[in-house]
Amino acid sequence: MADRRIDCPTCGRSVRFDHGGEAPFLPFCSRRCRLVDLGKWLEGEYRISREMTGDDFLEEDHFNSDQIE
């Protein structure tokens, strides 16, 4: 299997993409970067660009009624 890497969205550091659980903070390189990103959402630095509508919640890709128990 090829060594696949992604860049941390917070700091840009290269992170090895591993399905085996060796990178628990993906897509971030560390817990710190994950928390920095969360803080930006909480402070309003990131936001959804438009008002959400009911159709956004009913799209087939995001909602599957067979999964409801």
N, C-alpha and C. Protein backbone atom coordinates (compact mmCIF):
# COMPACT_ATOMS: atom_id res chain seq x y z
N MET A 1 0.84 -1.17 0.00
CA MET A 1 0.00 0.00 0.00
C MET A 1 0.89 1.24 0.00
N ALA A 2 0.53 2.20 -0.81
CA ALA A 2 1.30 3.44 -0.91
C ALA A 2 1.14 4.28 0.35
N ASP A 3 2.18 4.99 0.68
CA ASP A 3 2.14 5.90 1.83
C ASP A 3 1.37 7.15 1.42
N ARG A 4 0.14 7.27 1.91
CA ARG A 4 -0.70 8.41 1.55
C ARG A 4 -0.63 9.46 2.65
N ARG A 5 -0.57 10.71 2.25
CA ARG A 5 -0.45 11.81 3.20
C ARG A 5 -1.46 12.89 2.87
N ILE A 6 -1.90 13.60 3.90
CA ILE A 6 -2.74 14.78 3.74
C ILE A 6 -2.12 15.89 4.56
N ASP A 7 -2.47 17.12 4.26
CA ASP A 7 -1.98 18.26 5.02
C ASP A 7 -2.98 18.64 6.09
N CYS A 8 -2.50 18.86 7.29
CA CYS A 8 -3.33 19.30 8.41
C CYS A 8 -3.99 20.63 8.01
N PRO A 9 -5.32 20.75 8.13
CA PRO A 9 -5.98 21.99 7.73
C PRO A 9 -5.65 23.17 8.64
N THR A 10 -5.11 22.92 9.83
CA THR A 10 -4.78 24.01 10.75
C THR A 10 -3.37 24.53 10.54
N CYS A 11 -2.39 23.64 10.54
CA CYS A 11 -1.00 24.09 10.48
C CYS A 11 -0.29 23.75 9.17
N GLY A 12 -0.89 22.86 8.36
CA GLY A 12 -0.29 22.50 7.09
C GLY A 12 0.72 21.36 7.14
N ARG A 13 0.99 20.85 8.34
CA ARG A 13 1.96 19.76 8.50
C ARG A 13 1.43 18.51 7.77
N SER A 14 2.30 17.76 7.16
CA SER A 14 1.93 16.54 6.46
C SER A 14 1.60 15.44 7.47
N VAL A 15 0.47 14.78 7.26
CA VAL A 15 0.01 13.72 8.16
C VAL A 15 -0.17 12.45 7.35
N ARG A 16 0.34 11.37 7.85
CA ARG A 16 0.17 10.08 7.17
C ARG A 16 -1.27 9.62 7.34
N PHE A 17 -1.92 9.32 6.23
CA PHE A 17 -3.31 8.87 6.22
C PHE A 17 -3.30 7.36 6.39
N ASP A 18 -3.76 6.89 7.54
CA ASP A 18 -3.68 5.47 7.86
C ASP A 18 -5.03 5.00 8.38
N HIS A 19 -5.58 3.98 7.76
CA HIS A 19 -6.86 3.42 8.22
C HIS A 19 -6.69 2.53 9.44
N GLY A 20 -5.47 2.28 9.84
CA GLY A 20 -5.21 1.38 10.96
C GLY A 20 -5.32 2.04 12.32
N GLY A 21 -5.68 3.30 12.40
CA GLY A 21 -5.87 3.96 13.68
C GLY A 21 -4.63 4.63 14.24
N GLU A 22 -3.56 4.72 13.45
CA GLU A 22 -2.33 5.34 13.94
C GLU A 22 -2.37 6.87 13.90
N ALA A 23 -3.38 7.43 13.29
CA ALA A 23 -3.53 8.89 13.22
C ALA A 23 -4.91 9.25 13.76
N PRO A 24 -5.08 9.24 15.07
CA PRO A 24 -6.41 9.40 15.66
C PRO A 24 -7.04 10.79 15.50
N PHE A 25 -6.27 11.77 15.06
CA PHE A 25 -6.80 13.13 14.98
C PHE A 25 -7.11 13.57 13.56
N LEU A 26 -7.05 12.65 12.60
CA LEU A 26 -7.31 13.00 11.20
C LEU A 26 -8.59 13.81 11.06
N PRO A 27 -8.60 14.82 10.25
CA PRO A 27 -7.57 15.20 9.29
C PRO A 27 -6.49 16.09 9.90
N PHE A 28 -6.51 16.27 11.21
CA PHE A 28 -5.54 17.13 11.88
C PHE A 28 -4.33 16.31 12.31
N CYS A 29 -3.21 17.00 12.54
CA CYS A 29 -1.99 16.29 12.92
C CYS A 29 -1.92 16.02 14.41
N SER A 30 -2.68 16.77 15.20
CA SER A 30 -2.60 16.63 16.65
C SER A 30 -3.90 17.07 17.31
N ARG A 31 -4.00 16.76 18.58
CA ARG A 31 -5.17 17.21 19.35
C ARG A 31 -5.21 18.73 19.39
N ARG A 32 -4.06 19.36 19.52
CA ARG A 32 -4.00 20.82 19.57
C ARG A 32 -4.60 21.44 18.31
N CYS A 33 -4.21 20.95 17.14
CA CYS A 33 -4.74 21.50 15.90
C CYS A 33 -6.24 21.26 15.79
N ARG A 34 -6.69 20.11 16.25
CA ARG A 34 -8.13 19.81 16.23
C ARG A 34 -8.88 20.81 17.12
N LEU A 35 -8.34 21.12 18.29
CA LEU A 35 -8.99 22.05 19.20
C LEU A 35 -8.93 23.49 18.70
N VAL A 36 -7.84 23.87 18.03
CA VAL A 36 -7.75 25.20 17.42
C VAL A 36 -8.87 25.36 16.39
N ASP A 37 -9.07 24.33 15.56
CA ASP A 37 -10.13 24.37 14.55
C ASP A 37 -11.51 24.47 15.21
N LEU A 38 -11.75 23.70 16.25
CA LEU A 38 -13.02 23.77 16.97
C LEU A 38 -13.24 25.16 17.54
N GLY A 39 -12.20 25.76 18.10
CA GLY A 39 -12.30 27.11 18.63
C GLY A 39 -12.69 28.13 17.58
N LYS A 40 -12.18 27.96 16.36
CA LYS A 40 -12.55 28.87 15.27
C LYS A 40 -14.03 28.75 14.94
N TRP A 41 -14.56 27.52 14.94
CA TRP A 41 -16.00 27.35 14.72
C TRP A 41 -16.79 28.01 15.84
N LEU A 42 -16.38 27.79 17.07
CA LEU A 42 -17.12 28.32 18.22
C LEU A 42 -17.08 29.85 18.29
N GLU A 43 -15.99 30.44 17.84
CA GLU A 43 -15.85 31.90 17.86
C GLU A 43 -16.48 32.56 16.63
N GLY A 44 -16.97 31.76 15.69
CA GLY A 44 -17.62 32.31 14.51
C GLY A 44 -16.69 32.67 13.37
N GLU A 45 -15.43 32.26 13.44
CA GLU A 45 -14.50 32.52 12.34
C GLU A 45 -14.87 31.71 11.11
N TYR A 46 -15.45 30.54 11.31
CA TYR A 46 -15.96 29.72 10.22
C TYR A 46 -17.48 29.79 10.31
N ARG A 47 -18.13 29.79 9.16
CA ARG A 47 -19.59 29.75 9.18
C ARG A 47 -20.09 29.17 7.87
N ILE A 48 -21.29 28.66 7.90
CA ILE A 48 -21.94 28.15 6.70
C ILE A 48 -22.38 29.36 5.89
N SER A 49 -22.14 29.33 4.58
CA SER A 49 -22.30 30.51 3.74
C SER A 49 -23.74 30.88 3.43
N ARG A 50 -24.69 30.02 3.74
CA ARG A 50 -26.09 30.35 3.46
C ARG A 50 -26.97 29.72 4.52
N GLU A 51 -28.20 30.17 4.56
CA GLU A 51 -29.18 29.62 5.49
C GLU A 51 -29.49 28.18 5.10
N MET A 52 -29.50 27.28 6.07
CA MET A 52 -29.83 25.88 5.80
C MET A 52 -31.34 25.78 5.58
N THR A 53 -31.75 24.88 4.70
CA THR A 53 -33.17 24.64 4.43
C THR A 53 -33.48 23.19 4.75
N GLY A 54 -34.76 22.85 4.77
CA GLY A 54 -35.17 21.48 5.04
C GLY A 54 -34.61 20.50 4.03
N ASP A 55 -34.45 20.96 2.78
CA ASP A 55 -33.89 20.09 1.74
C ASP A 55 -32.46 19.67 2.05
N ASP A 56 -31.71 20.51 2.77
CA ASP A 56 -30.33 20.17 3.12
C ASP A 56 -30.28 18.93 4.02
N PHE A 57 -31.33 18.73 4.81
CA PHE A 57 -31.35 17.61 5.74
C PHE A 57 -31.97 16.36 5.15
N LEU A 58 -32.57 16.48 3.97
CA LEU A 58 -33.24 15.34 3.37
C LEU A 58 -32.50 14.77 2.17
N GLU A 59 -31.34 15.31 1.86
CA GLU A 59 -30.58 14.79 0.73
C GLU A 59 -30.20 13.34 0.98
N GLU A 60 -30.26 12.54 -0.05
CA GLU A 60 -30.00 11.11 0.07
C GLU A 60 -28.63 10.79 0.65
N ASP A 61 -27.64 11.61 0.34
CA ASP A 61 -26.29 11.36 0.83
C ASP A 61 -26.18 11.53 2.34
N HIS A 62 -27.05 12.34 2.94
CA HIS A 62 -26.92 12.67 4.35
C HIS A 62 -27.94 11.98 5.24
N PHE A 63 -28.97 11.40 4.64
CA PHE A 63 -30.05 10.86 5.45
C PHE A 63 -30.52 9.55 4.85
N ASN A 64 -30.59 8.54 5.67
CA ASN A 64 -31.06 7.26 5.21
C ASN A 64 -32.05 6.74 6.24
N SER A 65 -33.32 6.70 5.89
CA SER A 65 -34.36 6.31 6.84
C SER A 65 -34.20 4.87 7.29
N ASP A 66 -33.48 4.04 6.52
CA ASP A 66 -33.26 2.64 6.92
C ASP A 66 -32.36 2.55 8.14
N GLN A 67 -31.61 3.60 8.44
CA GLN A 67 -30.69 3.57 9.58
C GLN A 67 -31.36 3.96 10.89
N ILE A 68 -32.59 4.45 10.83
CA ILE A 68 -33.30 4.85 12.05
C ILE A 68 -33.86 3.61 12.72
N GLU A 69 -33.62 3.50 14.01
CA GLU A 69 -34.13 2.33 14.75
C GLU A 69 -35.35 2.71 15.54
